Amino acid sequence: MKGCSKHIQQIAEYIDGELDEALCTRLEEHLKECNNCRIMVDTLKQTVVLCREGKKERLPEDIESRLNDALKNKWEKKFGKKS
């Protein structure tokens, strides 16, 4: 996993096809050698496909409300309340 951290930061751009050609080549060379990063890229690609092709379903109202409240509380703990 030598040098993985600098490549991990580039993975989103790589998956979206927005990574500079030279950086893309370096990342692909790294992926040939690093099974962990290759698994991460493959998993993220599959996640993107599933999100794009997935069927949207509505959460039951009570679950949606509890989820929104939980997310709001986490946000406020981390970043503070909106003014």
PDB file of N, CA and C in Angstrom:
ATOM      1  N   MET A   1       0.821  -1.198   0.000  1.00  0.00           N
ATOM      2  CA  MET A   1       0.000   0.000   0.000  1.00  0.00           C
ATOM      3  C   MET A   1       0.855   1.247   0.000  1.00  0.00           C
ATOM      4  N   LYS A   2       2.072   1.089  -0.429  1.00  0.00           N
ATOM      5  CA  LYS A   2       2.984   2.229  -0.519  1.00  0.00           C
ATOM      6  C   LYS A   2       2.457   3.248  -1.523  1.00  0.00           C
ATOM      7  N   GLY A   3       2.321   4.476  -1.084  1.00  0.00           N
ATOM      8  CA  GLY A   3       1.889   5.545  -1.970  1.00  0.00           C
ATOM      9  C   GLY A   3       0.399   5.576  -2.251  1.00  0.00           C
ATOM     10  N   CYS A   4      -0.386   4.789  -1.531  1.00  0.00           N
ATOM     11  CA  CYS A   4      -1.824   4.718  -1.805  1.00  0.00           C
ATOM     12  C   CYS A   4      -2.553   6.025  -1.515  1.00  0.00           C
ATOM     13  N   SER A   5      -2.168   6.721  -0.469  1.00  0.00           N
ATOM     14  CA  SER A   5      -2.931   7.900  -0.058  1.00  0.00           C
ATOM     15  C   SER A   5      -3.011   8.949  -1.161  1.00  0.00           C
ATOM     16  N   LYS A   6      -1.931   9.151  -1.899  1.00  0.00           N
ATOM     17  CA  LYS A   6      -1.995  10.156  -2.970  1.00  0.00           C
ATOM     18  C   LYS A   6      -2.900   9.686  -4.114  1.00  0.00           C
ATOM     19  N   HIS A   7      -2.996   8.386  -4.307  1.00  0.00           N
ATOM     20  CA  HIS A   7      -3.853   7.861  -5.378  1.00  0.00           C
ATOM     21  C   HIS A   7      -5.317   7.841  -4.960  1.00  0.00           C
ATOM     22  N   ILE A   8      -5.576   7.591  -3.696  1.00  0.00           N
ATOM     23  CA  ILE A   8      -6.951   7.540  -3.209  1.00  0.00           C
ATOM     24  C   ILE A   8      -7.644   8.872  -3.442  1.00  0.00           C
ATOM     25  N   GLN A   9      -6.918   9.958  -3.302  1.00  0.00           N
ATOM     26  CA  GLN A   9      -7.489  11.280  -3.513  1.00  0.00           C
ATOM     27  C   GLN A   9      -7.900  11.507  -4.971  1.00  0.00           C
ATOM     28  N   GLN A  10      -7.372  10.721  -5.894  1.00  0.00           N
ATOM     29  CA  GLN A  10      -7.637  10.902  -7.317  1.00  0.00           C
ATOM     30  C   GLN A  10      -8.708   9.954  -7.854  1.00  0.00           C
ATOM     31  N   ILE A  11      -9.152   9.017  -7.037  1.00  0.00           N
ATOM     32  CA  ILE A  11     -10.031   7.958  -7.528  1.00  0.00           C
ATOM     33  C   ILE A  11     -11.364   8.485  -8.048  1.00  0.00           C
ATOM     34  N   ALA A  12     -11.986   9.434  -7.380  1.00  0.00           N
ATOM     35  CA  ALA A  12     -13.273   9.964  -7.846  1.00  0.00           C
ATOM     36  C   ALA A  12     -13.140  10.571  -9.238  1.00  0.00           C
ATOM     37  N   GLU A  13     -12.104  11.375  -9.451  1.00  0.00           N
ATOM     38  CA  GLU A  13     -11.886  11.971 -10.772  1.00  0.00           C
ATOM     39  C   GLU A  13     -11.602  10.888 -11.810  1.00  0.00           C
ATOM     40  N   TYR A  14     -10.871   9.857 -11.408  1.00  0.00           N
ATOM     41  CA  TYR A  14     -10.557   8.740 -12.301  1.00  0.00           C
ATOM     42  C   TYR A  14     -11.839   8.029 -12.737  1.00  0.00           C
ATOM     43  N   ILE A  15     -12.692   7.718 -11.779  1.00  0.00           N
ATOM     44  CA  ILE A  15     -13.939   7.012 -12.087  1.00  0.00           C
ATOM     45  C   ILE A  15     -14.837   7.873 -12.978  1.00  0.00           C
ATOM     46  N   ASP A  16     -14.856   9.175 -12.746  1.00  0.00           N
ATOM     47  CA  ASP A  16     -15.678  10.084 -13.546  1.00  0.00           C
ATOM     48  C   ASP A  16     -15.061  10.419 -14.903  1.00  0.00           C
ATOM     49  N   GLY A  17     -13.834   9.931 -15.157  1.00  0.00           N
ATOM     50  CA  GLY A  17     -13.162  10.216 -16.422  1.00  0.00           C
ATOM     51  C   GLY A  17     -12.648  11.632 -16.509  1.00  0.00           C
ATOM     52  N   GLU A  18     -12.383  12.255 -15.365  1.00  0.00           N
ATOM     53  CA  GLU A  18     -11.966  13.660 -15.336  1.00  0.00           C
ATOM     54  C   GLU A  18     -10.521  13.845 -14.895  1.00  0.00           C
ATOM     55  N   LEU A  19      -9.786  12.745 -14.733  1.00  0.00           N
ATOM     56  CA  LEU A  19      -8.411  12.834 -14.254  1.00  0.00           C
ATOM     57  C   LEU A  19      -7.464  13.126 -15.414  1.00  0.00           C
ATOM     58  N   ASP A  20      -6.540  14.032 -15.188  1.00  0.00           N
ATOM     59  CA  ASP A  20      -5.508  14.372 -16.159  1.00  0.00           C
ATOM     60  C   ASP A  20      -4.865  13.085 -16.697  1.00  0.00           C
ATOM     61  N   GLU A  21      -4.555  13.060 -17.977  1.00  0.00           N
ATOM     62  CA  GLU A  21      -4.040  11.850 -18.635  1.00  0.00           C
ATOM     63  C   GLU A  21      -2.781  11.295 -17.961  1.00  0.00           C
ATOM     64  N   ALA A  22      -1.852  12.164 -17.605  1.00  0.00           N
ATOM     65  CA  ALA A  22      -0.612  11.702 -16.969  1.00  0.00           C
ATOM     66  C   ALA A  22      -0.897  11.083 -15.601  1.00  0.00           C
ATOM     67  N   LEU A  23      -1.768  11.735 -14.831  1.00  0.00           N
ATOM     68  CA  LEU A  23      -2.133  11.196 -13.519  1.00  0.00           C
ATOM     69  C   LEU A  23      -2.915   9.899 -13.666  1.00  0.00           C
ATOM     70  N   CYS A  24      -3.749   9.835 -14.686  1.00  0.00           N
ATOM     71  CA  CYS A  24      -4.523   8.626 -14.957  1.00  0.00           C
ATOM     72  C   CYS A  24      -3.590   7.453 -15.239  1.00  0.00           C
ATOM     73  N   THR A  25      -2.574   7.685 -16.025  1.00  0.00           N
ATOM     74  CA  THR A  25      -1.599   6.647 -16.347  1.00  0.00           C
ATOM     75  C   THR A  25      -0.878   6.181 -15.083  1.00  0.00           C
ATOM     76  N   ARG A  26      -0.474   7.123 -14.249  1.00  0.00           N
ATOM     77  CA  ARG A  26       0.203   6.753 -12.992  1.00  0.00           C
ATOM     78  C   ARG A  26      -0.715   5.966 -12.065  1.00  0.00           C
ATOM     79  N   LEU A  27      -1.971   6.384 -11.990  1.00  0.00           N
ATOM     80  CA  LEU A  27      -2.919   5.662 -11.146  1.00  0.00           C
ATOM     81  C   LEU A  27      -3.139   4.244 -11.673  1.00  0.00           C
ATOM     82  N   GLU A  28      -3.278   4.104 -12.980  1.00  0.00           N
ATOM     83  CA  GLU A  28      -3.473   2.774 -13.559  1.00  0.00           C
ATOM     84  C   GLU A  28      -2.262   1.878 -13.326  1.00  0.00           C
ATOM     85  N   GLU A  29      -1.065   2.440 -13.362  1.00  0.00           N
ATOM     86  CA  GLU A  29       0.137   1.662 -13.045  1.00  0.00           C
ATOM     87  C   GLU A  29       0.093   1.198 -11.582  1.00  0.00           C
ATOM     88  N   HIS A  30      -0.340   2.094 -10.713  1.00  0.00           N
ATOM     89  CA  HIS A  30      -0.462   1.743  -9.299  1.00  0.00           C
ATOM     90  C   HIS A  30      -1.502   0.632  -9.114  1.00  0.00           C
ATOM     91  N   LEU A  31      -2.618   0.737  -9.830  1.00  0.00           N
ATOM     92  CA  LEU A  31      -3.680  -0.259  -9.699  1.00  0.00           C
ATOM     93  C   LEU A  31      -3.225  -1.649 -10.143  1.00  0.00           C
ATOM     94  N   LYS A  32      -2.287  -1.708 -11.074  1.00  0.00           N
ATOM     95  CA  LYS A  32      -1.743  -3.003 -11.508  1.00  0.00           C
ATOM     96  C   LYS A  32      -0.991  -3.688 -10.379  1.00  0.00           C
ATOM     97  N   GLU A  33      -0.416  -2.895  -9.499  1.00  0.00           N
ATOM     98  CA  GLU A  33       0.425  -3.414  -8.411  1.00  0.00           C
ATOM     99  C   GLU A  33      -0.306  -3.519  -7.074  1.00  0.00           C
ATOM    100  N   CYS A  34      -1.380  -2.764  -6.900  1.00  0.00           N
ATOM    101  CA  CYS A  34      -2.012  -2.663  -5.586  1.00  0.00           C
ATOM    102  C   CYS A  34      -3.436  -3.237  -5.613  1.00  0.00           C
ATOM    103  N   ASN A  35      -3.566  -4.412  -5.072  1.00  0.00           N
ATOM    104  CA  ASN A  35      -4.860  -5.086  -5.047  1.00  0.00           C
ATOM    105  C   ASN A  35      -5.882  -4.309  -4.218  1.00  0.00           C
ATOM    106  N   ASN A  36      -5.469  -3.716  -3.101  1.00  0.00           N
ATOM    107  CA  ASN A  36      -6.401  -2.964  -2.254  1.00  0.00           C
ATOM    108  C   ASN A  36      -7.017  -1.777  -2.994  1.00  0.00           C
ATOM    109  N   CYS A  37      -6.199  -1.017  -3.691  1.00  0.00           N
ATOM    110  CA  CYS A  37      -6.714   0.130  -4.443  1.00  0.00           C
ATOM    111  C   CYS A  37      -7.576  -0.329  -5.616  1.00  0.00           C
ATOM    112  N   ARG A  38      -7.185  -1.420  -6.245  1.00  0.00           N
ATOM    113  CA  ARG A  38      -7.965  -1.957  -7.367  1.00  0.00           C
ATOM    114  C   ARG A  38      -9.351  -2.376  -6.881  1.00  0.00           C
ATOM    115  N   ILE A  39      -9.414  -3.021  -5.727  1.00  0.00           N
ATOM    116  CA  ILE A  39     -10.697  -3.415  -5.149  1.00  0.00           C
ATOM    117  C   ILE A  39     -11.537  -2.175  -4.838  1.00  0.00           C
ATOM    118  N   MET A  40     -10.892  -1.123  -4.295  1.00  0.00           N
ATOM    119  CA  MET A  40     -11.603   0.107  -3.979  1.00  0.00           C
ATOM    120  C   MET A  40     -12.197   0.728  -5.242  1.00  0.00           C
ATOM    121  N   VAL A  41     -11.411   0.793  -6.306  1.00  0.00           N
ATOM    122  CA  VAL A  41     -11.891   1.375  -7.563  1.00  0.00           C
ATOM    123  C   VAL A  41     -13.045   0.543  -8.121  1.00  0.00           C
ATOM    124  N   ASP A  42     -12.886  -0.766  -8.141  1.00  0.00           N
ATOM    125  CA  ASP A  42     -13.944  -1.631  -8.662  1.00  0.00           C
ATOM    126  C   ASP A  42     -15.231  -1.497  -7.854  1.00  0.00           C
ATOM    127  N   THR A  43     -15.098  -1.425  -6.537  1.00  0.00           N
ATOM    128  CA  THR A  43     -16.265  -1.286  -5.669  1.00  0.00           C
ATOM    129  C   THR A  43     -16.961   0.052  -5.897  1.00  0.00           C
ATOM    130  N   LEU A  44     -16.182   1.124  -6.002  1.00  0.00           N
ATOM    131  CA  LEU A  44     -16.773   2.442  -6.239  1.00  0.00           C
ATOM    132  C   LEU A  44     -17.439   2.525  -7.613  1.00  0.00           C
ATOM    133  N   LYS A  45     -16.834   1.901  -8.618  1.00  0.00           N
ATOM    134  CA  LYS A  45     -17.462   1.871  -9.947  1.00  0.00           C
ATOM    135  C   LYS A  45     -18.812   1.176  -9.884  1.00  0.00           C
ATOM    136  N   GLN A  46     -18.865   0.048  -9.192  1.00  0.00           N
ATOM    137  CA  GLN A  46     -20.123  -0.675  -9.048  1.00  0.00           C
ATOM    138  C   GLN A  46     -21.147   0.146  -8.272  1.00  0.00           C
ATOM    139  N   THR A  47     -20.704   0.855  -7.263  1.00  0.00           N
ATOM    140  CA  THR A  47     -21.602   1.701  -6.481  1.00  0.00           C
ATOM    141  C   THR A  47     -22.215   2.786  -7.355  1.00  0.00           C
ATOM    142  N   VAL A  48     -21.401   3.402  -8.204  1.00  0.00           N
ATOM    143  CA  VAL A  48     -21.888   4.442  -9.112  1.00  0.00           C
ATOM    144  C   VAL A  48     -22.930   3.856 -10.063  1.00  0.00           C
ATOM    145  N   VAL A  49     -22.638   2.690 -10.625  1.00  0.00           N
ATOM    146  CA  VAL A  49     -23.580   2.041 -11.547  1.00  0.00           C
ATOM    147  C   VAL A  49     -24.897   1.749 -10.833  1.00  0.00           C
ATOM    148  N   LEU A  50     -24.827   1.174  -9.644  1.00  0.00           N
ATOM    149  CA  LEU A  50     -26.043   0.844  -8.901  1.00  0.00           C
ATOM    150  C   LEU A  50     -26.847   2.087  -8.555  1.00  0.00           C
ATOM    151  N   CYS A  51     -26.174   3.161  -8.195  1.00  0.00           N
ATOM    152  CA  CYS A  51     -26.875   4.404  -7.866  1.00  0.00           C
ATOM    153  C   CYS A  51     -27.555   5.000  -9.095  1.00  0.00           C
ATOM    154  N   ARG A  52     -26.888   4.936 -10.217  1.00  0.00           N
ATOM    155  CA  ARG A  52     -27.466   5.507 -11.451  1.00  0.00           C
ATOM    156  C   ARG A  52     -28.619   4.676 -11.976  1.00  0.00           C
ATOM    157  N   GLU A  53     -28.508   3.366 -11.861  1.00  0.00           N
ATOM    158  CA  GLU A  53     -29.513   2.474 -12.439  1.00  0.00           C
ATOM    159  C   GLU A  53     -30.558   2.007 -11.442  1.00  0.00           C
ATOM    160  N   GLY A  54     -30.321   2.287 -10.171  1.00  0.00           N
ATOM    161  CA  GLY A  54     -31.201   1.778  -9.125  1.00  0.00           C
ATOM    162  C   GLY A  54     -32.584   2.395  -9.158  1.00  0.00           C
ATOM    163  N   LYS A  55     -33.508   1.619  -8.671  1.00  0.00           N
ATOM    164  CA  LYS A  55     -34.893   2.069  -8.572  1.00  0.00           C
ATOM    165  C   LYS A  55     -35.035   2.954  -7.345  1.00  0.00           C
ATOM    166  N   LYS A  56     -35.628   4.109  -7.517  1.00  0.00           N
ATOM    167  CA  LYS A  56     -35.852   5.011  -6.392  1.00  0.00           C
ATOM    168  C   LYS A  56     -37.102   4.561  -5.646  1.00  0.00           C
ATOM    169  N   GLU A  57     -36.957   4.501  -4.340  1.00  0.00           N
ATOM    170  CA  GLU A  57     -38.097   4.139  -3.513  1.00  0.00           C
ATOM    171  C   GLU A  57     -38.245   5.158  -2.400  1.00  0.00           C
ATOM    172  N   ARG A  58     -39.434   5.429  -2.056  1.00  0.00           N
ATOM    173  CA  ARG A  58     -39.747   6.395  -1.005  1.00  0.00           C
ATOM    174  C   ARG A  58     -39.677   5.702   0.353  1.00  0.00           C
ATOM    175  N   LEU A  59     -38.983   6.331   1.298  1.00  0.00           N
ATOM    176  CA  LEU A  59     -38.945   5.814   2.659  1.00  0.00           C
ATOM    177  C   LEU A  59     -40.275   6.090   3.344  1.00  0.00           C
ATOM    178  N   PRO A  60     -40.685   5.217   4.242  1.00  0.00           N
ATOM    179  CA  PRO A  60     -41.860   5.551   5.052  1.00  0.00           C
ATOM    180  C   PRO A  60     -41.604   6.873   5.781  1.00  0.00           C
ATOM    181  N   GLU A  61     -42.637   7.664   5.925  1.00  0.00           N
ATOM    182  CA  GLU A  61     -42.507   9.022   6.456  1.00  0.00           C
ATOM    183  C   GLU A  61     -41.810   9.072   7.814  1.00  0.00           C
ATOM    184  N   ASP A  62     -42.134   8.139   8.725  1.00  0.00           N
ATOM    185  CA  ASP A  62     -41.518   8.172  10.055  1.00  0.00           C
ATOM    186  C   ASP A  62     -40.025   7.866   9.984  1.00  0.00           C
ATOM    187  N   ILE A  63     -39.630   6.958   9.102  1.00  0.00           N
ATOM    188  CA  ILE A  63     -38.208   6.629   8.951  1.00  0.00           C
ATOM    189  C   ILE A  63     -37.460   7.799   8.315  1.00  0.00           C
ATOM    190  N   GLU A  64     -38.067   8.412   7.307  1.00  0.00           N
ATOM    191  CA  GLU A  64     -37.446   9.565   6.660  1.00  0.00           C
ATOM    192  C   GLU A  64     -37.247  10.699   7.662  1.00  0.00           C
ATOM    193  N   SER A  65     -38.223  10.929   8.500  1.00  0.00           N
ATOM    194  CA  SER A  65     -38.133  11.986   9.505  1.00  0.00           C
ATOM    195  C   SER A  65     -37.014  11.699  10.504  1.00  0.00           C
ATOM    196  N   ARG A  66     -36.947  10.455  11.000  1.00  0.00           N
ATOM    197  CA  ARG A  66     -35.892  10.093  11.957  1.00  0.00           C
ATOM    198  C   ARG A  66     -34.514  10.190  11.321  1.00  0.00           C
ATOM    199  N   LEU A  67     -34.403   9.768  10.056  1.00  0.00           N
ATOM    200  CA  LEU A  67     -33.126   9.853   9.350  1.00  0.00           C
ATOM    201  C   LEU A  67     -32.698  11.308   9.179  1.00  0.00           C
ATOM    202  N   ASN A  68     -33.620  12.154   8.758  1.00  0.00           N
ATOM    203  CA  ASN A  68     -33.310  13.585   8.599  1.00  0.00           C
ATOM    204  C   ASN A  68     -32.889  14.213   9.924  1.00  0.00           C
ATOM    205  N   ASP A  69     -33.583  13.853  11.001  1.00  0.00           N
ATOM    206  CA  ASP A  69     -33.221  14.379  12.324  1.00  0.00           C
ATOM    207  C   ASP A  69     -31.828  13.921  12.739  1.00  0.00           C
ATOM    208  N   ALA A  70     -31.528  12.642  12.502  1.00  0.00           N
ATOM    209  CA  ALA A  70     -30.212  12.106  12.873  1.00  0.00           C
ATOM    210  C   ALA A  70     -29.111  12.795  12.079  1.00  0.00           C
ATOM    211  N   LEU A  71     -29.330  12.985  10.776  1.00  0.00           N
ATOM    212  CA  LEU A  71     -28.333  13.665   9.938  1.00  0.00           C
ATOM    213  C   LEU A  71     -28.147  15.116  10.374  1.00  0.00           C
ATOM    214  N   LYS A  72     -29.254  15.782  10.682  1.00  0.00           N
ATOM    215  CA  LYS A  72     -29.185  17.173  11.144  1.00  0.00           C
ATOM    216  C   LYS A  72     -28.389  17.272  12.442  1.00  0.00           C
ATOM    217  N   ASN A  73     -28.649  16.340  13.370  1.00  0.00           N
ATOM    218  CA  ASN A  73     -27.926  16.348  14.649  1.00  0.00           C
ATOM    219  C   ASN A  73     -26.439  16.112  14.451  1.00  0.00           C
ATOM    220  N   LYS A  74     -26.086  15.155  13.597  1.00  0.00           N
ATOM    221  CA  LYS A  74     -24.666  14.887  13.306  1.00  0.00           C
ATOM    222  C   LYS A  74     -24.010  16.124  12.700  1.00  0.00           C
ATOM    223  N   TRP A  75     -24.707  16.757  11.752  1.00  0.00           N
ATOM    224  CA  TRP A  75     -24.183  17.956  11.088  1.00  0.00           C
ATOM    225  C   TRP A  75     -23.937  19.063  12.113  1.00  0.00           C
ATOM    226  N   GLU A  76     -24.919  19.280  12.975  1.00  0.00           N
ATOM    227  CA  GLU A  76     -24.806  20.359  13.961  1.00  0.00           C
ATOM    228  C   GLU A  76     -23.682  20.075  14.964  1.00  0.00           C
ATOM    229  N   LYS A  77     -23.497  18.822  15.336  1.00  0.00           N
ATOM    230  CA  LYS A  77     -22.399  18.477  16.246  1.00  0.00           C
ATOM    231  C   LYS A  77     -21.046  18.736  15.596  1.00  0.00           C
ATOM    232  N   LYS A  78     -20.969  18.461  14.309  1.00  0.00           N
ATOM    233  CA  LYS A  78     -19.695  18.613  13.620  1.00  0.00           C
ATOM    234  C   LYS A  78     -19.437  20.064  13.202  1.00  0.00           C
ATOM    235  N   PHE A  79     -20.478  20.740  12.687  1.00  0.00           N
ATOM    236  CA  PHE A  79     -20.268  22.065  12.090  1.00  0.00           C
ATOM    237  C   PHE A  79     -20.985  23.199  12.816  1.00  0.00           C
ATOM    238  N   GLY A  80     -21.809  22.877  13.787  1.00  0.00           N
ATOM    239  CA  GLY A  80     -22.557  23.907  14.486  1.00  0.00           C
ATOM    240  C   GLY A  80     -23.877  24.193  13.807  1.00  0.00           C
ATOM    241  N   LYS A  81     -24.752  24.892  14.510  1.00  0.00           N
ATOM    242  CA  LYS A  81     -26.075  25.219  13.968  1.00  0.00           C
ATOM    243  C   LYS A  81     -25.971  26.357  12.964  1.00  0.00           C
ATOM    244  N   LYS A  82     -26.916  26.341  12.015  1.00  0.00           N
ATOM    245  CA  LYS A  82     -27.003  27.455  11.059  1.00  0.00           C
ATOM    246  C   LYS A  82     -27.430  28.702  11.791  1.00  0.00           C
ATOM    247  N   SER A  83     -26.902  29.842  11.338  1.00  0.00           N
ATOM    248  CA  SER A  83     -27.278  31.124  11.956  1.00  0.00           C
ATOM    249  C   SER A  83     -28.602  31.575  11.452  1.00  0.00           C
TER     250      SER A  83
END
